[in-house]
Amino acid sequence: MADEKPGKSQGAATPGSEGPALETIRKLVALMEEHGLVEVEVEQENLAVRLRKGGAETPVVQAAVPVAPAARAAAPAAASLPTINSPMVGTFYVSSSPEADAYVKVGDHVTDESVVCVIEAMKVFNEIRSETSGTIEKILVKNAAPVEFGQPLFVIRPD
């Protein structure tokens, strides 16, 4: 304790001294309350955070994991073909229900308006369209797997 400066107590957080991670969490909690959200997940440069409201209407930090920039997965090269990327964070599904056929399979031709999958985010199923005409060359994500914003989902060979 010889290095302690007068007037400062070690271990006690003072407003503004929490650091950028805690400040980000505080802002996310405020956004959740403002918009009535029950869950939010965000990934920034070196921090991934998922917040979920508990039963007492108090947001609870479920996971806050530092992510090193080098640890992020690079998009597969697949002979320099373009990819169809996830426009959001959520859960990837190949069909509208477990009993339904997959929207697309490898080798299928799609147009720029073809639905290729759905991504569930906060109990809402969002149809994802190809936005490119071509042939599906590879499906990069397994059914019911979590996906991140911008993550490649399909490799497509444009027309």
N, C-alpha and C. Protein backbone atom coordinates (compact mmCIF):
# COMPACT_ATOMS: atom_id res chain seq x y z
N MET A 1 0.82 -1.19 0.00
CA MET A 1 0.00 0.00 0.00
C MET A 1 0.86 1.25 0.00
N ALA A 2 2.15 1.12 -0.12
CA ALA A 2 3.04 2.27 -0.12
C ALA A 2 2.83 3.14 -1.34
N ASP A 3 2.33 2.56 -2.48
CA ASP A 3 2.14 3.32 -3.70
C ASP A 3 0.82 4.07 -3.73
N GLU A 4 -0.05 3.84 -2.75
CA GLU A 4 -1.36 4.46 -2.76
C GLU A 4 -1.25 5.96 -2.57
N LYS A 5 -1.95 6.71 -3.40
CA LYS A 5 -1.93 8.17 -3.32
C LYS A 5 -2.96 8.63 -2.30
N PRO A 6 -2.72 9.72 -1.61
CA PRO A 6 -3.69 10.23 -0.65
C PRO A 6 -5.01 10.55 -1.35
N GLY A 7 -6.11 10.23 -0.68
CA GLY A 7 -7.43 10.54 -1.23
C GLY A 7 -7.96 9.48 -2.18
N LYS A 8 -7.19 8.46 -2.54
CA LYS A 8 -7.64 7.40 -3.45
C LYS A 8 -7.74 6.11 -2.66
N SER A 9 -8.82 5.40 -2.83
CA SER A 9 -8.94 4.10 -2.17
C SER A 9 -8.82 3.02 -3.23
N GLN A 10 -7.99 2.04 -2.99
CA GLN A 10 -7.80 0.97 -3.96
C GLN A 10 -9.03 0.08 -3.98
N GLY A 11 -9.40 -0.36 -5.19
CA GLY A 11 -10.50 -1.29 -5.34
C GLY A 11 -11.86 -0.62 -5.41
N ALA A 12 -11.99 0.63 -5.00
CA ALA A 12 -13.27 1.29 -5.07
C ALA A 12 -13.40 1.98 -6.42
N ALA A 13 -14.51 1.74 -7.09
CA ALA A 13 -14.73 2.35 -8.40
C ALA A 13 -15.33 3.73 -8.20
N THR A 14 -14.77 4.69 -8.86
CA THR A 14 -15.33 6.03 -8.84
C THR A 14 -15.93 6.29 -10.20
N PRO A 15 -16.95 7.14 -10.30
CA PRO A 15 -17.58 7.40 -11.59
C PRO A 15 -16.53 7.79 -12.63
N GLY A 16 -16.60 7.15 -13.80
CA GLY A 16 -15.65 7.44 -14.86
C GLY A 16 -14.38 6.63 -14.80
N SER A 17 -14.16 5.84 -13.71
CA SER A 17 -12.92 5.09 -13.59
C SER A 17 -13.10 3.61 -13.94
N GLU A 18 -14.31 3.23 -14.37
CA GLU A 18 -14.60 1.82 -14.59
C GLU A 18 -13.95 1.26 -15.85
N GLY A 19 -13.67 2.08 -16.81
CA GLY A 19 -13.08 1.62 -18.05
C GLY A 19 -14.12 1.48 -19.15
N PRO A 20 -13.64 1.29 -20.38
CA PRO A 20 -14.55 1.27 -21.52
C PRO A 20 -15.50 0.07 -21.53
N ALA A 21 -15.10 -1.08 -21.02
CA ALA A 21 -15.98 -2.25 -21.04
C ALA A 21 -17.21 -2.01 -20.17
N LEU A 22 -17.01 -1.54 -18.96
CA LEU A 22 -18.14 -1.30 -18.07
C LEU A 22 -19.01 -0.16 -18.60
N GLU A 23 -18.41 0.84 -19.19
CA GLU A 23 -19.18 1.94 -19.77
C GLU A 23 -20.05 1.43 -20.92
N THR A 24 -19.52 0.52 -21.74
CA THR A 24 -20.29 -0.08 -22.83
C THR A 24 -21.47 -0.85 -22.26
N ILE A 25 -21.25 -1.62 -21.21
CA ILE A 25 -22.33 -2.39 -20.59
C ILE A 25 -23.41 -1.46 -20.04
N ARG A 26 -22.99 -0.38 -19.40
CA ARG A 26 -23.96 0.58 -18.86
C ARG A 26 -24.82 1.17 -19.98
N LYS A 27 -24.20 1.51 -21.10
CA LYS A 27 -24.95 2.07 -22.23
C LYS A 27 -25.91 1.03 -22.81
N LEU A 28 -25.48 -0.22 -22.89
CA LEU A 28 -26.34 -1.28 -23.41
C LEU A 28 -27.55 -1.49 -22.49
N VAL A 29 -27.32 -1.46 -21.18
CA VAL A 29 -28.42 -1.60 -20.22
C VAL A 29 -29.41 -0.46 -20.42
N ALA A 30 -28.92 0.75 -20.58
CA ALA A 30 -29.80 1.90 -20.79
C ALA A 30 -30.61 1.75 -22.08
N LEU A 31 -29.98 1.26 -23.15
CA LEU A 31 -30.69 1.02 -24.41
C LEU A 31 -31.75 -0.07 -24.25
N MET A 32 -31.42 -1.11 -23.49
CA MET A 32 -32.39 -2.19 -23.25
C MET A 32 -33.63 -1.63 -22.55
N GLU A 33 -33.41 -0.83 -21.53
CA GLU A 33 -34.53 -0.26 -20.78
C GLU A 33 -35.33 0.71 -21.64
N GLU A 34 -34.64 1.53 -22.42
CA GLU A 34 -35.30 2.53 -23.26
C GLU A 34 -36.19 1.88 -24.32
N HIS A 35 -35.74 0.75 -24.88
CA HIS A 35 -36.47 0.12 -25.98
C HIS A 35 -37.22 -1.15 -25.57
N GLY A 36 -37.23 -1.47 -24.28
CA GLY A 36 -37.97 -2.63 -23.79
C GLY A 36 -37.39 -3.96 -24.25
N LEU A 37 -36.09 -4.02 -24.47
CA LEU A 37 -35.45 -5.26 -24.92
C LEU A 37 -35.19 -6.19 -23.74
N VAL A 38 -35.28 -7.49 -23.97
CA VAL A 38 -34.99 -8.45 -22.92
C VAL A 38 -33.61 -9.07 -23.09
N GLU A 39 -33.03 -8.94 -24.30
CA GLU A 39 -31.70 -9.50 -24.53
C GLU A 39 -31.02 -8.68 -25.62
N VAL A 40 -29.71 -8.52 -25.48
CA VAL A 40 -28.91 -7.84 -26.49
C VAL A 40 -27.51 -8.46 -26.49
N GLU A 41 -26.94 -8.58 -27.68
CA GLU A 41 -25.58 -9.13 -27.81
C GLU A 41 -24.81 -8.21 -28.75
N VAL A 42 -23.60 -7.81 -28.33
CA VAL A 42 -22.79 -6.89 -29.11
C VAL A 42 -21.35 -7.36 -29.10
N GLU A 43 -20.68 -7.22 -30.24
CA GLU A 43 -19.25 -7.50 -30.30
C GLU A 43 -18.56 -6.25 -30.82
N GLN A 44 -17.56 -5.81 -30.07
CA GLN A 44 -16.75 -4.68 -30.48
C GLN A 44 -15.32 -5.16 -30.68
N GLU A 45 -14.40 -4.24 -30.87
CA GLU A 45 -13.02 -4.57 -31.19
C GLU A 45 -12.43 -5.67 -30.32
N ASN A 46 -12.51 -5.54 -29.01
CA ASN A 46 -11.88 -6.52 -28.13
C ASN A 46 -12.81 -6.98 -27.01
N LEU A 47 -14.13 -6.92 -27.26
CA LEU A 47 -15.07 -7.28 -26.22
C LEU A 47 -16.35 -7.82 -26.84
N ALA A 48 -16.82 -8.94 -26.34
CA ALA A 48 -18.12 -9.48 -26.74
C ALA A 48 -18.99 -9.53 -25.50
N VAL A 49 -20.21 -8.98 -25.58
CA VAL A 49 -21.08 -8.89 -24.41
C VAL A 49 -22.48 -9.37 -24.79
N ARG A 50 -23.08 -10.18 -23.93
CA ARG A 50 -24.48 -10.58 -24.07
C ARG A 50 -25.17 -10.23 -22.76
N LEU A 51 -26.23 -9.45 -22.86
CA LEU A 51 -27.01 -9.06 -21.69
C LEU A 51 -28.41 -9.64 -21.83
N ARG A 52 -28.95 -10.16 -20.74
CA ARG A 52 -30.31 -10.71 -20.74
C ARG A 52 -30.98 -10.30 -19.44
N LYS A 53 -32.21 -9.79 -19.55
CA LYS A 53 -32.94 -9.41 -18.35
C LYS A 53 -33.32 -10.65 -17.57
N GLY A 54 -33.13 -10.57 -16.25
CA GLY A 54 -33.54 -11.65 -15.36
C GLY A 54 -35.00 -11.49 -14.98
N GLY A 55 -35.51 -12.38 -14.14
CA GLY A 55 -36.90 -12.34 -13.72
C GLY A 55 -37.26 -11.09 -12.93
N ALA A 56 -36.29 -10.45 -12.31
CA ALA A 56 -36.56 -9.28 -11.48
C ALA A 56 -36.49 -7.99 -12.30
N GLU A 57 -36.58 -8.11 -13.65
CA GLU A 57 -36.51 -6.94 -14.53
C GLU A 57 -35.19 -6.19 -14.40
N THR A 58 -34.14 -6.88 -13.99
CA THR A 58 -32.82 -6.28 -13.89
C THR A 58 -31.92 -6.95 -14.91
N PRO A 59 -31.30 -6.18 -15.84
CA PRO A 59 -30.41 -6.80 -16.81
C PRO A 59 -29.24 -7.48 -16.11
N VAL A 60 -28.89 -8.65 -16.58
CA VAL A 60 -27.81 -9.44 -16.00
C VAL A 60 -26.77 -9.69 -17.07
N VAL A 61 -25.50 -9.48 -16.76
CA VAL A 61 -24.43 -9.78 -17.71
C VAL A 61 -24.28 -11.28 -17.75
N GLN A 62 -24.58 -11.88 -18.92
CA GLN A 62 -24.48 -13.32 -19.03
C GLN A 62 -23.08 -13.74 -19.48
N ALA A 63 -22.46 -12.95 -20.34
CA ALA A 63 -21.12 -13.28 -20.79
C ALA A 63 -20.43 -12.02 -21.26
N ALA A 64 -19.23 -11.83 -20.80
CA ALA A 64 -18.40 -10.73 -21.28
C ALA A 64 -17.02 -11.32 -21.51
N VAL A 65 -16.71 -11.59 -22.77
CA VAL A 65 -15.50 -12.31 -23.11
C VAL A 65 -14.61 -11.44 -23.99
N PRO A 66 -13.39 -11.16 -23.58
CA PRO A 66 -12.49 -10.43 -24.46
C PRO A 66 -12.19 -11.24 -25.70
N VAL A 67 -12.20 -10.58 -26.84
CA VAL A 67 -11.91 -11.25 -28.10
C VAL A 67 -10.72 -10.55 -28.73
N ALA A 68 -9.65 -11.29 -28.90
CA ALA A 68 -8.47 -10.72 -29.54
C ALA A 68 -8.74 -10.58 -31.02
N PRO A 69 -8.33 -9.47 -31.65
CA PRO A 69 -8.59 -9.29 -33.08
C PRO A 69 -8.07 -10.45 -33.93
N ALA A 70 -6.96 -11.05 -33.57
CA ALA A 70 -6.40 -12.14 -34.36
C ALA A 70 -7.23 -13.42 -34.21
N ALA A 71 -8.07 -13.51 -33.18
CA ALA A 71 -8.84 -14.72 -32.93
C ALA A 71 -10.10 -14.80 -33.79
N ARG A 72 -10.46 -13.72 -34.46
CA ARG A 72 -11.67 -13.75 -35.28
C ARG A 72 -11.45 -14.60 -36.51
N ALA A 73 -12.47 -15.34 -36.88
CA ALA A 73 -12.36 -16.24 -38.02
C ALA A 73 -12.38 -15.45 -39.32
N ALA A 74 -11.49 -15.79 -40.20
CA ALA A 74 -11.45 -15.16 -41.51
C ALA A 74 -12.43 -15.87 -42.43
N ALA A 75 -12.95 -15.15 -43.39
CA ALA A 75 -13.87 -15.76 -44.34
C ALA A 75 -13.12 -16.75 -45.22
N PRO A 76 -13.73 -17.91 -45.49
CA PRO A 76 -13.06 -18.89 -46.33
C PRO A 76 -12.84 -18.33 -47.74
N ALA A 77 -11.71 -18.65 -48.32
CA ALA A 77 -11.34 -18.12 -49.62
C ALA A 77 -12.21 -18.69 -50.73
N ALA A 78 -12.47 -20.00 -50.75
CA ALA A 78 -13.29 -20.70 -51.73
C ALA A 78 -13.10 -20.16 -53.13
N ALA A 79 -11.86 -20.13 -53.59
CA ALA A 79 -11.52 -19.71 -54.95
C ALA A 79 -11.98 -18.30 -55.24
N SER A 80 -11.93 -17.44 -54.26
CA SER A 80 -12.26 -16.02 -54.41
C SER A 80 -13.70 -15.77 -54.84
N LEU A 81 -14.58 -16.69 -54.54
CA LEU A 81 -15.99 -16.49 -54.85
C LEU A 81 -16.62 -15.62 -53.76
N PRO A 82 -17.64 -14.85 -54.12
CA PRO A 82 -18.31 -14.02 -53.11
C PRO A 82 -19.11 -14.87 -52.13
N THR A 83 -19.44 -14.26 -51.01
CA THR A 83 -20.23 -14.95 -49.98
C THR A 83 -21.51 -14.17 -49.71
N ILE A 84 -22.48 -14.88 -49.21
CA ILE A 84 -23.69 -14.26 -48.68
C ILE A 84 -23.45 -14.20 -47.18
N ASN A 85 -23.47 -12.99 -46.63
CA ASN A 85 -23.10 -12.79 -45.23
C ASN A 85 -24.32 -12.50 -44.35
N SER A 86 -24.17 -12.81 -43.07
CA SER A 86 -25.24 -12.57 -42.11
C SER A 86 -25.40 -11.07 -41.87
N PRO A 87 -26.62 -10.56 -42.00
CA PRO A 87 -26.84 -9.13 -41.73
C PRO A 87 -27.08 -8.83 -40.25
N MET A 88 -27.00 -9.89 -39.39
CA MET A 88 -27.31 -9.69 -37.98
C MET A 88 -26.72 -10.81 -37.13
N VAL A 89 -26.76 -10.61 -35.84
CA VAL A 89 -26.40 -11.65 -34.87
C VAL A 89 -27.66 -12.46 -34.60
N GLY A 90 -27.53 -13.78 -34.56
CA GLY A 90 -28.69 -14.61 -34.28
C GLY A 90 -28.38 -16.08 -34.46
N THR A 91 -29.42 -16.87 -34.71
CA THR A 91 -29.29 -18.30 -34.92
C THR A 91 -29.70 -18.62 -36.35
N PHE A 92 -28.82 -19.32 -37.08
CA PHE A 92 -28.99 -19.66 -38.49
C PHE A 92 -29.85 -20.91 -38.64
N TYR A 93 -30.85 -20.84 -39.51
CA TYR A 93 -31.67 -22.02 -39.82
C TYR A 93 -31.77 -22.17 -41.34
N VAL A 94 -31.65 -23.42 -41.82
CA VAL A 94 -31.70 -23.69 -43.26
C VAL A 94 -33.13 -23.77 -43.78
N SER A 95 -34.11 -23.88 -42.89
CA SER A 95 -35.51 -23.97 -43.31
C SER A 95 -36.40 -23.22 -42.33
N SER A 96 -37.67 -23.07 -42.73
CA SER A 96 -38.61 -22.31 -41.90
C SER A 96 -39.09 -23.10 -40.69
N SER A 97 -38.95 -24.44 -40.74
CA SER A 97 -39.31 -25.28 -39.60
C SER A 97 -38.54 -26.60 -39.72
N PRO A 98 -38.46 -27.37 -38.63
CA PRO A 98 -37.71 -28.63 -38.70
C PRO A 98 -38.27 -29.61 -39.74
N GLU A 99 -39.57 -29.53 -40.03
CA GLU A 99 -40.18 -30.44 -41.00
C GLU A 99 -40.04 -29.96 -42.44
N ALA A 100 -39.77 -28.68 -42.65
CA ALA A 100 -39.73 -28.10 -44.00
C ALA A 100 -38.40 -28.41 -44.69
N ASP A 101 -38.44 -28.40 -46.03
CA ASP A 101 -37.22 -28.57 -46.81
C ASP A 101 -36.33 -27.34 -46.64
N ALA A 102 -35.03 -27.54 -46.85
CA ALA A 102 -34.08 -26.43 -46.79
C ALA A 102 -34.41 -25.43 -47.90
N TYR A 103 -34.21 -24.15 -47.61
CA TYR A 103 -34.43 -23.13 -48.64
C TYR A 103 -33.53 -23.39 -49.84
N VAL A 104 -32.25 -23.69 -49.59
CA VAL A 104 -31.32 -23.97 -50.68
C VAL A 104 -30.37 -25.10 -50.28
N LYS A 105 -29.84 -25.76 -51.30
CA LYS A 105 -28.82 -26.80 -51.11
C LYS A 105 -27.66 -26.46 -52.04
N VAL A 106 -26.52 -27.07 -51.81
CA VAL A 106 -25.38 -26.88 -52.70
C VAL A 106 -25.81 -27.29 -54.10
N GLY A 107 -25.49 -26.44 -55.07
CA GLY A 107 -25.85 -26.70 -56.47
C GLY A 107 -27.12 -26.00 -56.91
N ASP A 108 -27.92 -25.48 -55.96
CA ASP A 108 -29.15 -24.78 -56.32
C ASP A 108 -28.83 -23.42 -56.93
N HIS A 109 -29.65 -23.03 -57.92
CA HIS A 109 -29.53 -21.70 -58.51
C HIS A 109 -30.46 -20.76 -57.76
N VAL A 110 -29.98 -19.57 -57.44
CA VAL A 110 -30.78 -18.57 -56.73
C VAL A 110 -30.75 -17.26 -57.51
N THR A 111 -31.79 -16.46 -57.29
CA THR A 111 -31.82 -15.11 -57.84
C THR A 111 -31.50 -14.13 -56.72
N ASP A 112 -31.42 -12.88 -57.06
CA ASP A 112 -31.10 -11.88 -56.03
C ASP A 112 -32.22 -11.72 -55.00
N GLU A 113 -33.41 -12.25 -55.27
CA GLU A 113 -34.53 -12.16 -54.33
C GLU A 113 -34.82 -13.48 -53.63
N SER A 114 -34.06 -14.54 -53.92
CA SER A 114 -34.31 -15.85 -53.31
C SER A 114 -34.00 -15.85 -51.82
N VAL A 115 -34.91 -16.42 -51.03
CA VAL A 115 -34.64 -16.61 -49.60
C VAL A 115 -33.70 -17.80 -49.49
N VAL A 116 -32.58 -17.62 -48.79
CA VAL A 116 -31.59 -18.70 -48.66
C VAL A 116 -31.57 -19.32 -47.26
N CYS A 117 -32.08 -18.59 -46.26
CA CYS A 117 -32.12 -19.09 -44.89
C CYS A 117 -32.93 -18.13 -44.04
N VAL A 118 -33.09 -18.47 -42.77
CA VAL A 118 -33.66 -17.53 -41.80
C VAL A 118 -32.68 -17.41 -40.64
N ILE A 119 -32.67 -16.23 -40.05
CA ILE A 119 -31.88 -16.00 -38.84
C ILE A 119 -32.84 -15.53 -37.76
N GLU A 120 -32.85 -16.27 -36.66
CA GLU A 120 -33.71 -15.93 -35.54
C GLU A 120 -32.93 -15.01 -34.61
N ALA A 121 -33.53 -13.87 -34.32
CA ALA A 121 -32.95 -12.92 -33.38
C ALA A 121 -34.07 -12.41 -32.49
N MET A 122 -33.94 -12.65 -31.20
CA MET A 122 -34.92 -12.20 -30.21
C MET A 122 -36.33 -12.70 -30.55
N LYS A 123 -36.44 -13.98 -30.87
CA LYS A 123 -37.72 -14.65 -31.15
C LYS A 123 -38.38 -14.19 -32.46
N VAL A 124 -37.64 -13.46 -33.31
CA VAL A 124 -38.14 -13.04 -34.61
C VAL A 124 -37.32 -13.76 -35.68
N PHE A 125 -38.03 -14.39 -36.63
CA PHE A 125 -37.36 -15.11 -37.71
C PHE A 125 -37.28 -14.19 -38.93
N ASN A 126 -36.04 -13.87 -39.33
CA ASN A 126 -35.79 -12.94 -40.43
C ASN A 126 -35.35 -13.71 -41.66
N GLU A 127 -36.09 -13.56 -42.77
CA GLU A 127 -35.71 -14.21 -44.01
C GLU A 127 -34.51 -13.49 -44.60
N ILE A 128 -33.49 -14.26 -44.97
CA ILE A 128 -32.28 -13.69 -45.56
C ILE A 128 -32.30 -14.01 -47.05
N ARG A 129 -32.18 -12.96 -47.86
CA ARG A 129 -32.21 -13.12 -49.32
C ARG A 129 -30.79 -13.14 -49.87
N SER A 130 -30.64 -13.75 -51.04
CA SER A 130 -29.34 -13.91 -51.65
C SER A 130 -28.69 -12.58 -52.03
N GLU A 131 -29.46 -11.69 -52.63
CA GLU A 131 -28.98 -10.41 -53.15
C GLU A 131 -28.00 -10.56 -54.30
N THR A 132 -27.73 -11.80 -54.74
CA THR A 132 -26.87 -12.08 -55.89
C THR A 132 -27.45 -13.28 -56.63
N SER A 133 -27.53 -13.21 -57.95
CA SER A 133 -27.96 -14.38 -58.73
C SER A 133 -26.76 -15.27 -58.95
N GLY A 134 -26.96 -16.57 -58.80
CA GLY A 134 -25.87 -17.50 -59.01
C GLY A 134 -26.19 -18.87 -58.44
N THR A 135 -25.14 -19.69 -58.31
CA THR A 135 -25.27 -21.05 -57.82
C THR A 135 -24.63 -21.17 -56.44
N ILE A 136 -25.34 -21.79 -55.52
CA ILE A 136 -24.79 -22.02 -54.18
C ILE A 136 -23.68 -23.06 -54.28
N GLU A 137 -22.47 -22.68 -53.93
CA GLU A 137 -21.31 -23.56 -54.00
C GLU A 137 -21.03 -24.27 -52.69
N LYS A 138 -21.30 -23.58 -51.57
CA LYS A 138 -21.00 -24.17 -50.27
C LYS A 138 -21.85 -23.49 -49.20
N ILE A 139 -22.30 -24.28 -48.24
CA ILE A 139 -22.99 -23.76 -47.06
C ILE A 139 -21.98 -23.79 -45.93
N LEU A 140 -21.68 -22.62 -45.35
CA LEU A 140 -20.58 -22.48 -44.40
C LEU A 140 -21.00 -22.64 -42.93
N VAL A 141 -22.30 -22.69 -42.66
CA VAL A 141 -22.78 -22.72 -41.27
C VAL A 141 -23.71 -23.92 -41.10
N LYS A 142 -23.61 -24.57 -39.96
CA LYS A 142 -24.51 -25.70 -39.65
C LYS A 142 -25.85 -25.17 -39.17
N ASN A 143 -26.89 -25.95 -39.45
CA ASN A 143 -28.23 -25.58 -39.02
C ASN A 143 -28.28 -25.38 -37.49
N ALA A 144 -28.99 -24.35 -37.07
CA ALA A 144 -29.19 -24.01 -35.66
C ALA A 144 -27.93 -23.50 -34.97
N ALA A 145 -26.93 -23.11 -35.76
CA ALA A 145 -25.69 -22.57 -35.18
C ALA A 145 -25.81 -21.06 -35.00
N PRO A 146 -25.16 -20.51 -33.97
CA PRO A 146 -25.16 -19.05 -33.80
C PRO A 146 -24.29 -18.41 -34.87
N VAL A 147 -24.70 -17.23 -35.33
CA VAL A 147 -23.92 -16.48 -36.32
C VAL A 147 -23.73 -15.05 -35.85
N GLU A 148 -22.68 -14.44 -36.33
CA GLU A 148 -22.34 -13.06 -35.99
C GLU A 148 -22.66 -12.15 -37.17
N PHE A 149 -22.77 -10.87 -36.92
CA PHE A 149 -22.96 -9.89 -37.97
C PHE A 149 -21.79 -9.97 -38.96
N GLY A 150 -22.10 -10.05 -40.24
CA GLY A 150 -21.07 -10.07 -41.27
C GLY A 150 -20.45 -11.43 -41.52
N GLN A 151 -20.83 -12.44 -40.76
CA GLN A 151 -20.25 -13.78 -40.91
C GLN A 151 -20.71 -14.38 -42.23
N PRO A 152 -19.78 -14.95 -43.04
CA PRO A 152 -20.18 -15.61 -44.28
C PRO A 152 -21.04 -16.84 -43.99
N LEU A 153 -22.16 -16.95 -44.73
CA LEU A 153 -23.10 -18.06 -44.57
C LEU A 153 -23.02 -19.04 -45.74
N PHE A 154 -22.90 -18.50 -46.96
CA PHE A 154 -22.88 -19.29 -48.17
C PHE A 154 -21.79 -18.75 -49.11
N VAL A 155 -21.23 -19.65 -49.90
CA VAL A 155 -20.35 -19.26 -51.01
C VAL A 155 -21.22 -19.37 -52.25
N ILE A 156 -21.21 -18.35 -53.10
CA ILE A 156 -22.05 -18.35 -54.30
C ILE A 156 -21.20 -18.07 -55.53
N ARG A 157 -21.50 -18.79 -56.61
CA ARG A 157 -20.84 -18.55 -57.91
C ARG A 157 -21.81 -17.69 -58.72
N PRO A 158 -21.49 -16.39 -58.89
CA PRO A 158 -22.42 -15.49 -59.60
C PRO A 158 -22.62 -15.92 -61.05
N ASP A 159 -23.81 -15.55 -61.58
CA ASP A 159 -24.10 -15.81 -62.99
C ASP A 159 -23.22 -14.97 -63.89
